[in-house]
Amino acid sequence: MDREISGERIKELRQERGISAEELGRLIGKNRATVYRYEDGSIDTIPIKTVRRIAEILDVRPSYLMGLADNPEPFDPNIISVVRTSDKYAAVKAKILEKMDCCSESDIDYLLETVDLLAMRSKHSKDSPTG
């Protein structure tokens, strides 16, 4: 996530909607100073659960806050907007992203390592004469 884009977008949307940093902080379970640090980019990583909650409060899709989309479409709790619908694995990716909300950083690292191993195994089986 591009910290500068997401911070600028959070601040702009928060102000447009007349929500104070203190109020946004209360709604996401953080203090005002944390909201300001999100907005100025001094916090490196905003947890995906927090991004999703901020997006819900500001009524935009998380992908817009994360700098992955340019159009601030309204929040829709029934979709995960970072998954492209034309992708044949969209449903699987959506399930993975949804489940990742409750994962720890180490769980996510493990997941990525596992996917890397599966991709290497798949590539190896395609390259072998019998694969």
N, C-alpha and C. Protein backbone atom coordinates (compact mmCIF):
# COMPACT_ATOMS: atom_id res chain seq x y z
N MET A 1 0.85 -1.17 0.00
CA MET A 1 0.00 0.00 0.00
C MET A 1 0.90 1.23 0.00
N ASP A 2 0.60 2.17 -0.85
CA ASP A 2 1.35 3.42 -0.92
C ASP A 2 0.90 4.30 0.24
N ARG A 3 1.80 4.47 1.22
CA ARG A 3 1.43 5.22 2.44
C ARG A 3 0.97 6.62 2.13
N GLU A 4 1.66 7.28 1.20
CA GLU A 4 1.32 8.67 0.90
C GLU A 4 -0.09 8.77 0.31
N ILE A 5 -0.38 7.90 -0.66
CA ILE A 5 -1.72 7.93 -1.28
C ILE A 5 -2.78 7.60 -0.24
N SER A 6 -2.60 6.52 0.51
CA SER A 6 -3.64 6.11 1.45
C SER A 6 -3.83 7.16 2.53
N GLY A 7 -2.75 7.72 3.06
CA GLY A 7 -2.87 8.75 4.09
C GLY A 7 -3.58 9.99 3.58
N GLU A 8 -3.20 10.42 2.40
CA GLU A 8 -3.86 11.59 1.80
C GLU A 8 -5.33 11.32 1.58
N ARG A 9 -5.64 10.14 1.09
CA ARG A 9 -7.04 9.80 0.81
C ARG A 9 -7.85 9.69 2.09
N ILE A 10 -7.28 9.10 3.12
CA ILE A 10 -8.00 8.99 4.39
C ILE A 10 -8.30 10.39 4.92
N LYS A 11 -7.30 11.25 4.93
CA LYS A 11 -7.49 12.60 5.46
C LYS A 11 -8.52 13.38 4.64
N GLU A 12 -8.37 13.33 3.32
CA GLU A 12 -9.30 14.06 2.44
C GLU A 12 -10.74 13.61 2.64
N LEU A 13 -10.95 12.29 2.64
CA LEU A 13 -12.31 11.76 2.80
C LEU A 13 -12.87 12.05 4.18
N ARG A 14 -12.02 11.91 5.19
CA ARG A 14 -12.46 12.18 6.57
C ARG A 14 -12.94 13.62 6.69
N GLN A 15 -12.16 14.55 6.14
CA GLN A 15 -12.52 15.96 6.22
C GLN A 15 -13.77 16.27 5.39
N GLU A 16 -13.86 15.68 4.19
CA GLU A 16 -15.05 15.89 3.34
C GLU A 16 -16.33 15.44 4.04
N ARG A 17 -16.21 14.40 4.85
CA ARG A 17 -17.38 13.84 5.51
C ARG A 17 -17.62 14.46 6.89
N GLY A 18 -16.77 15.42 7.25
CA GLY A 18 -16.95 16.12 8.52
C GLY A 18 -16.68 15.27 9.75
N ILE A 19 -15.77 14.32 9.60
CA ILE A 19 -15.43 13.43 10.71
C ILE A 19 -14.08 13.89 11.28
N SER A 20 -14.03 14.10 12.57
CA SER A 20 -12.77 14.50 13.19
C SER A 20 -11.85 13.29 13.31
N ALA A 21 -10.56 13.56 13.46
CA ALA A 21 -9.60 12.48 13.66
C ALA A 21 -9.92 11.73 14.95
N GLU A 22 -10.38 12.45 15.94
CA GLU A 22 -10.75 11.82 17.21
C GLU A 22 -11.92 10.86 17.03
N GLU A 23 -12.93 11.29 16.26
CA GLU A 23 -14.11 10.45 16.02
C GLU A 23 -13.74 9.22 15.19
N LEU A 24 -12.94 9.40 14.14
CA LEU A 24 -12.52 8.26 13.33
C LEU A 24 -11.73 7.29 14.19
N GLY A 25 -10.84 7.81 15.02
CA GLY A 25 -10.07 6.96 15.91
C GLY A 25 -10.97 6.15 16.83
N ARG A 26 -11.97 6.79 17.40
CA ARG A 26 -12.90 6.10 18.28
C ARG A 26 -13.63 4.98 17.53
N LEU A 27 -14.03 5.26 16.29
CA LEU A 27 -14.78 4.28 15.50
C LEU A 27 -13.94 3.07 15.09
N ILE A 28 -12.62 3.27 14.97
CA ILE A 28 -11.75 2.15 14.57
C ILE A 28 -10.97 1.58 15.76
N GLY A 29 -11.24 2.11 16.94
CA GLY A 29 -10.57 1.58 18.13
C GLY A 29 -9.14 2.05 18.30
N LYS A 30 -8.83 3.22 17.76
CA LYS A 30 -7.48 3.80 17.87
C LYS A 30 -7.62 5.21 18.44
N ASN A 31 -6.50 5.82 18.79
CA ASN A 31 -6.58 7.19 19.27
C ASN A 31 -6.34 8.18 18.13
N ARG A 32 -6.60 9.45 18.41
CA ARG A 32 -6.47 10.52 17.40
C ARG A 32 -5.06 10.57 16.81
N ALA A 33 -4.06 10.40 17.66
CA ALA A 33 -2.67 10.46 17.19
C ALA A 33 -2.39 9.37 16.16
N THR A 34 -2.96 8.19 16.35
CA THR A 34 -2.77 7.10 15.39
C THR A 34 -3.41 7.46 14.05
N VAL A 35 -4.58 8.06 14.08
CA VAL A 35 -5.23 8.49 12.84
C VAL A 35 -4.34 9.49 12.12
N TYR A 36 -3.79 10.45 12.85
CA TYR A 36 -2.90 11.44 12.23
C TYR A 36 -1.65 10.76 11.65
N ARG A 37 -1.14 9.74 12.33
CA ARG A 37 0.04 9.03 11.82
C ARG A 37 -0.31 8.22 10.56
N TYR A 38 -1.53 7.67 10.50
CA TYR A 38 -1.97 7.02 9.26
C TYR A 38 -2.00 8.05 8.14
N GLU A 39 -2.54 9.21 8.44
CA GLU A 39 -2.71 10.24 7.41
C GLU A 39 -1.39 10.83 6.93
N ASP A 40 -0.42 10.98 7.82
CA ASP A 40 0.85 11.56 7.38
C ASP A 40 1.87 10.51 6.92
N GLY A 41 1.47 9.23 6.98
CA GLY A 41 2.32 8.16 6.47
C GLY A 41 3.41 7.71 7.41
N SER A 42 3.38 8.17 8.66
CA SER A 42 4.45 7.78 9.58
C SER A 42 4.27 6.36 10.14
N ILE A 43 3.10 5.77 9.94
CA ILE A 43 2.91 4.35 10.27
C ILE A 43 3.06 3.57 8.97
N ASP A 44 4.01 2.65 8.96
CA ASP A 44 4.35 1.91 7.74
C ASP A 44 3.22 1.04 7.21
N THR A 45 2.56 0.31 8.08
CA THR A 45 1.56 -0.66 7.65
C THR A 45 0.28 -0.49 8.45
N ILE A 46 -0.81 -0.29 7.74
CA ILE A 46 -2.11 -0.25 8.38
C ILE A 46 -2.72 -1.64 8.23
N PRO A 47 -3.09 -2.29 9.32
CA PRO A 47 -3.67 -3.64 9.22
C PRO A 47 -4.89 -3.64 8.29
N ILE A 48 -5.03 -4.71 7.52
CA ILE A 48 -6.11 -4.79 6.53
C ILE A 48 -7.48 -4.66 7.19
N LYS A 49 -7.63 -5.18 8.41
CA LYS A 49 -8.92 -5.03 9.11
C LYS A 49 -9.21 -3.55 9.37
N THR A 50 -8.17 -2.79 9.69
CA THR A 50 -8.34 -1.37 9.95
C THR A 50 -8.65 -0.63 8.66
N VAL A 51 -7.95 -0.98 7.58
CA VAL A 51 -8.23 -0.36 6.28
C VAL A 51 -9.69 -0.61 5.89
N ARG A 52 -10.13 -1.83 6.06
CA ARG A 52 -11.51 -2.18 5.73
C ARG A 52 -12.51 -1.38 6.57
N ARG A 53 -12.22 -1.23 7.86
CA ARG A 53 -13.12 -0.48 8.75
C ARG A 53 -13.14 1.00 8.39
N ILE A 54 -11.96 1.57 8.10
CA ILE A 54 -11.90 2.97 7.68
C ILE A 54 -12.68 3.16 6.39
N ALA A 55 -12.50 2.24 5.46
CA ALA A 55 -13.22 2.30 4.18
C ALA A 55 -14.73 2.26 4.41
N GLU A 56 -15.16 1.41 5.31
CA GLU A 56 -16.58 1.30 5.62
C GLU A 56 -17.11 2.63 6.19
N ILE A 57 -16.37 3.21 7.13
CA ILE A 57 -16.78 4.47 7.76
C ILE A 57 -16.81 5.60 6.75
N LEU A 58 -15.80 5.64 5.85
CA LEU A 58 -15.70 6.73 4.87
C LEU A 58 -16.49 6.43 3.60
N ASP A 59 -17.11 5.25 3.54
CA ASP A 59 -17.94 4.82 2.43
C ASP A 59 -17.20 4.81 1.09
N VAL A 60 -16.03 4.18 1.10
CA VAL A 60 -15.29 3.91 -0.13
C VAL A 60 -14.76 2.49 -0.04
N ARG A 61 -14.37 1.95 -1.15
CA ARG A 61 -13.81 0.60 -1.15
C ARG A 61 -12.38 0.63 -0.63
N PRO A 62 -11.97 -0.43 0.06
CA PRO A 62 -10.59 -0.48 0.57
C PRO A 62 -9.54 -0.29 -0.52
N SER A 63 -9.82 -0.79 -1.70
CA SER A 63 -8.84 -0.66 -2.79
C SER A 63 -8.55 0.80 -3.13
N TYR A 64 -9.53 1.67 -2.94
CA TYR A 64 -9.31 3.10 -3.18
C TYR A 64 -8.36 3.66 -2.11
N LEU A 65 -8.61 3.33 -0.86
CA LEU A 65 -7.72 3.81 0.21
C LEU A 65 -6.30 3.30 0.03
N MET A 66 -6.17 2.08 -0.50
CA MET A 66 -4.86 1.47 -0.66
C MET A 66 -4.13 1.93 -1.91
N GLY A 67 -4.76 2.78 -2.71
CA GLY A 67 -4.11 3.28 -3.91
C GLY A 67 -4.18 2.31 -5.08
N LEU A 68 -5.04 1.29 -4.97
CA LEU A 68 -5.17 0.30 -6.04
C LEU A 68 -6.26 0.66 -7.03
N ALA A 69 -7.05 1.65 -6.70
CA ALA A 69 -8.14 2.10 -7.58
C ALA A 69 -8.17 3.63 -7.54
N ASP A 70 -8.56 4.22 -8.65
CA ASP A 70 -8.63 5.68 -8.72
C ASP A 70 -10.03 6.22 -8.48
N ASN A 71 -11.02 5.35 -8.55
CA ASN A 71 -12.41 5.77 -8.41
C ASN A 71 -12.91 5.44 -7.00
N PRO A 72 -13.31 6.44 -6.22
CA PRO A 72 -13.78 6.17 -4.86
C PRO A 72 -15.21 5.65 -4.82
N GLU A 73 -15.41 4.44 -5.36
CA GLU A 73 -16.75 3.84 -5.36
C GLU A 73 -17.20 3.57 -3.92
N PRO A 74 -18.51 3.56 -3.69
CA PRO A 74 -19.02 3.32 -2.34
C PRO A 74 -18.61 1.96 -1.80
N PHE A 75 -18.45 1.90 -0.50
CA PHE A 75 -18.11 0.66 0.19
C PHE A 75 -19.21 -0.37 -0.05
N ASP A 76 -18.80 -1.61 -0.32
CA ASP A 76 -19.76 -2.71 -0.49
C ASP A 76 -19.24 -3.89 0.33
N PRO A 77 -19.90 -4.21 1.44
CA PRO A 77 -19.40 -5.28 2.30
C PRO A 77 -19.46 -6.67 1.66
N ASN A 78 -20.16 -6.79 0.54
CA ASN A 78 -20.31 -8.10 -0.09
C ASN A 78 -19.24 -8.43 -1.11
N ILE A 79 -18.34 -7.48 -1.36
CA ILE A 79 -17.27 -7.77 -2.31
C ILE A 79 -15.94 -7.34 -1.73
N ILE A 80 -14.91 -7.91 -2.25
CA ILE A 80 -13.56 -7.47 -1.93
C ILE A 80 -13.05 -6.85 -3.21
N SER A 81 -12.90 -5.54 -3.21
CA SER A 81 -12.68 -4.80 -4.45
C SER A 81 -11.28 -4.95 -5.04
N VAL A 82 -10.33 -5.55 -4.30
CA VAL A 82 -9.00 -5.69 -4.89
C VAL A 82 -8.92 -6.89 -5.82
N VAL A 83 -9.97 -7.71 -5.86
CA VAL A 83 -9.99 -8.87 -6.74
C VAL A 83 -10.71 -8.50 -8.04
N ARG A 84 -10.08 -8.73 -9.14
CA ARG A 84 -10.68 -8.41 -10.43
C ARG A 84 -11.68 -9.52 -10.80
N THR A 85 -12.89 -9.13 -11.20
CA THR A 85 -13.93 -10.13 -11.48
C THR A 85 -13.64 -10.94 -12.73
N SER A 86 -12.79 -10.45 -13.62
CA SER A 86 -12.48 -11.20 -14.84
C SER A 86 -11.49 -12.33 -14.57
N ASP A 87 -10.91 -12.36 -13.42
CA ASP A 87 -9.93 -13.36 -13.03
C ASP A 87 -10.66 -14.68 -12.75
N LYS A 88 -10.19 -15.78 -13.35
CA LYS A 88 -10.88 -17.05 -13.15
C LYS A 88 -10.75 -17.57 -11.72
N TYR A 89 -9.81 -17.03 -10.96
CA TYR A 89 -9.65 -17.42 -9.56
C TYR A 89 -10.18 -16.36 -8.59
N ALA A 90 -11.03 -15.48 -9.06
CA ALA A 90 -11.52 -14.36 -8.25
C ALA A 90 -12.19 -14.84 -6.97
N ALA A 91 -13.01 -15.87 -7.06
CA ALA A 91 -13.73 -16.35 -5.87
C ALA A 91 -12.75 -16.91 -4.83
N VAL A 92 -11.74 -17.64 -5.30
CA VAL A 92 -10.74 -18.20 -4.39
C VAL A 92 -9.95 -17.08 -3.74
N LYS A 93 -9.53 -16.09 -4.53
CA LYS A 93 -8.77 -14.96 -3.99
C LYS A 93 -9.60 -14.19 -2.97
N ALA A 94 -10.87 -14.01 -3.27
CA ALA A 94 -11.75 -13.30 -2.34
C ALA A 94 -11.84 -14.03 -1.01
N LYS A 95 -11.96 -15.36 -1.06
CA LYS A 95 -12.04 -16.15 0.18
C LYS A 95 -10.74 -16.03 0.97
N ILE A 96 -9.62 -16.10 0.27
CA ILE A 96 -8.32 -15.98 0.95
C ILE A 96 -8.19 -14.61 1.60
N LEU A 97 -8.51 -13.56 0.87
CA LEU A 97 -8.41 -12.21 1.41
C LEU A 97 -9.33 -12.02 2.61
N GLU A 98 -10.51 -12.58 2.53
CA GLU A 98 -11.46 -12.47 3.64
C GLU A 98 -10.91 -13.15 4.89
N LYS A 99 -10.34 -14.33 4.71
CA LYS A 99 -9.81 -15.09 5.84
C LYS A 99 -8.55 -14.45 6.41
N MET A 100 -7.81 -13.71 5.57
CA MET A 100 -6.57 -13.09 6.03
C MET A 100 -6.82 -12.00 7.07
N ASP A 101 -8.02 -11.48 7.15
CA ASP A 101 -8.34 -10.44 8.13
C ASP A 101 -8.04 -10.89 9.55
N CYS A 102 -8.16 -12.17 9.82
CA CYS A 102 -7.95 -12.64 11.19
C CYS A 102 -6.58 -13.31 11.37
N CYS A 103 -5.72 -13.23 10.36
CA CYS A 103 -4.40 -13.85 10.44
C CYS A 103 -3.36 -12.90 11.03
N SER A 104 -2.40 -13.47 11.70
CA SER A 104 -1.27 -12.69 12.20
C SER A 104 -0.28 -12.47 11.06
N GLU A 105 0.67 -11.58 11.29
CA GLU A 105 1.72 -11.33 10.29
C GLU A 105 2.47 -12.62 9.96
N SER A 106 2.78 -13.42 10.99
CA SER A 106 3.52 -14.66 10.74
C SER A 106 2.66 -15.66 9.96
N ASP A 107 1.35 -15.68 10.20
CA ASP A 107 0.46 -16.55 9.43
C ASP A 107 0.46 -16.14 7.95
N ILE A 108 0.43 -14.84 7.71
CA ILE A 108 0.44 -14.35 6.33
C ILE A 108 1.76 -14.68 5.65
N ASP A 109 2.88 -14.53 6.38
CA ASP A 109 4.18 -14.90 5.83
C ASP A 109 4.20 -16.39 5.47
N TYR A 110 3.65 -17.23 6.36
CA TYR A 110 3.58 -18.66 6.11
C TYR A 110 2.73 -18.96 4.87
N LEU A 111 1.60 -18.26 4.75
CA LEU A 111 0.73 -18.43 3.59
C LEU A 111 1.49 -18.11 2.29
N LEU A 112 2.20 -17.00 2.30
CA LEU A 112 2.95 -16.60 1.10
C LEU A 112 4.04 -17.61 0.76
N GLU A 113 4.74 -18.11 1.78
CA GLU A 113 5.76 -19.13 1.54
C GLU A 113 5.13 -20.39 0.95
N THR A 114 3.99 -20.78 1.46
CA THR A 114 3.29 -21.97 0.97
C THR A 114 2.87 -21.79 -0.49
N VAL A 115 2.34 -20.62 -0.82
CA VAL A 115 1.94 -20.34 -2.20
C VAL A 115 3.17 -20.38 -3.11
N ASP A 116 4.29 -19.83 -2.66
CA ASP A 116 5.53 -19.88 -3.45
C ASP A 116 5.95 -21.33 -3.71
N LEU A 117 5.87 -22.17 -2.67
CA LEU A 117 6.23 -23.59 -2.83
C LEU A 117 5.29 -24.29 -3.81
N LEU A 118 4.00 -24.00 -3.69
CA LEU A 118 3.03 -24.61 -4.61
C LEU A 118 3.28 -24.15 -6.05
N ALA A 119 3.61 -22.90 -6.23
CA ALA A 119 3.88 -22.39 -7.57
C ALA A 119 5.12 -23.05 -8.16
N MET A 120 6.16 -23.23 -7.34
CA MET A 120 7.37 -23.90 -7.82
C MET A 120 7.08 -25.35 -8.17
N ARG A 121 6.28 -26.03 -7.33
CA ARG A 121 5.92 -27.42 -7.60
C ARG A 121 5.13 -27.53 -8.89
N SER A 122 4.20 -26.61 -9.09
CA SER A 122 3.39 -26.60 -10.30
C SER A 122 4.25 -26.37 -11.54
N LYS A 123 5.17 -25.42 -11.45
CA LYS A 123 6.06 -25.12 -12.57
C LYS A 123 6.94 -26.34 -12.86
N HIS A 124 7.44 -26.98 -11.81
CA HIS A 124 8.30 -28.15 -11.98
C HIS A 124 7.54 -29.29 -12.66
N SER A 125 6.30 -29.52 -12.26
CA SER A 125 5.53 -30.62 -12.86
C SER A 125 5.20 -30.33 -14.32
N LYS A 126 5.02 -29.06 -14.69
CA LYS A 126 4.76 -28.70 -16.08
C LYS A 126 6.01 -28.85 -16.93
N ASP A 127 7.19 -28.64 -16.32
CA ASP A 127 8.45 -28.73 -17.03
C ASP A 127 8.95 -30.15 -17.20
N SER A 128 8.46 -31.08 -16.35
CA SER A 128 8.96 -32.45 -16.42
C SER A 128 8.33 -33.17 -17.62
N PRO A 129 9.05 -34.16 -18.17
CA PRO A 129 8.54 -34.88 -19.34
C PRO A 129 7.22 -35.61 -19.11
N THR A 130 6.95 -36.01 -17.87
CA THR A 130 5.71 -36.73 -17.59
C THR A 130 4.61 -35.80 -17.10
N GLY A 131 4.93 -34.49 -16.84
CA GLY A 131 3.97 -33.54 -16.27
C GLY A 131 3.14 -32.93 -17.27
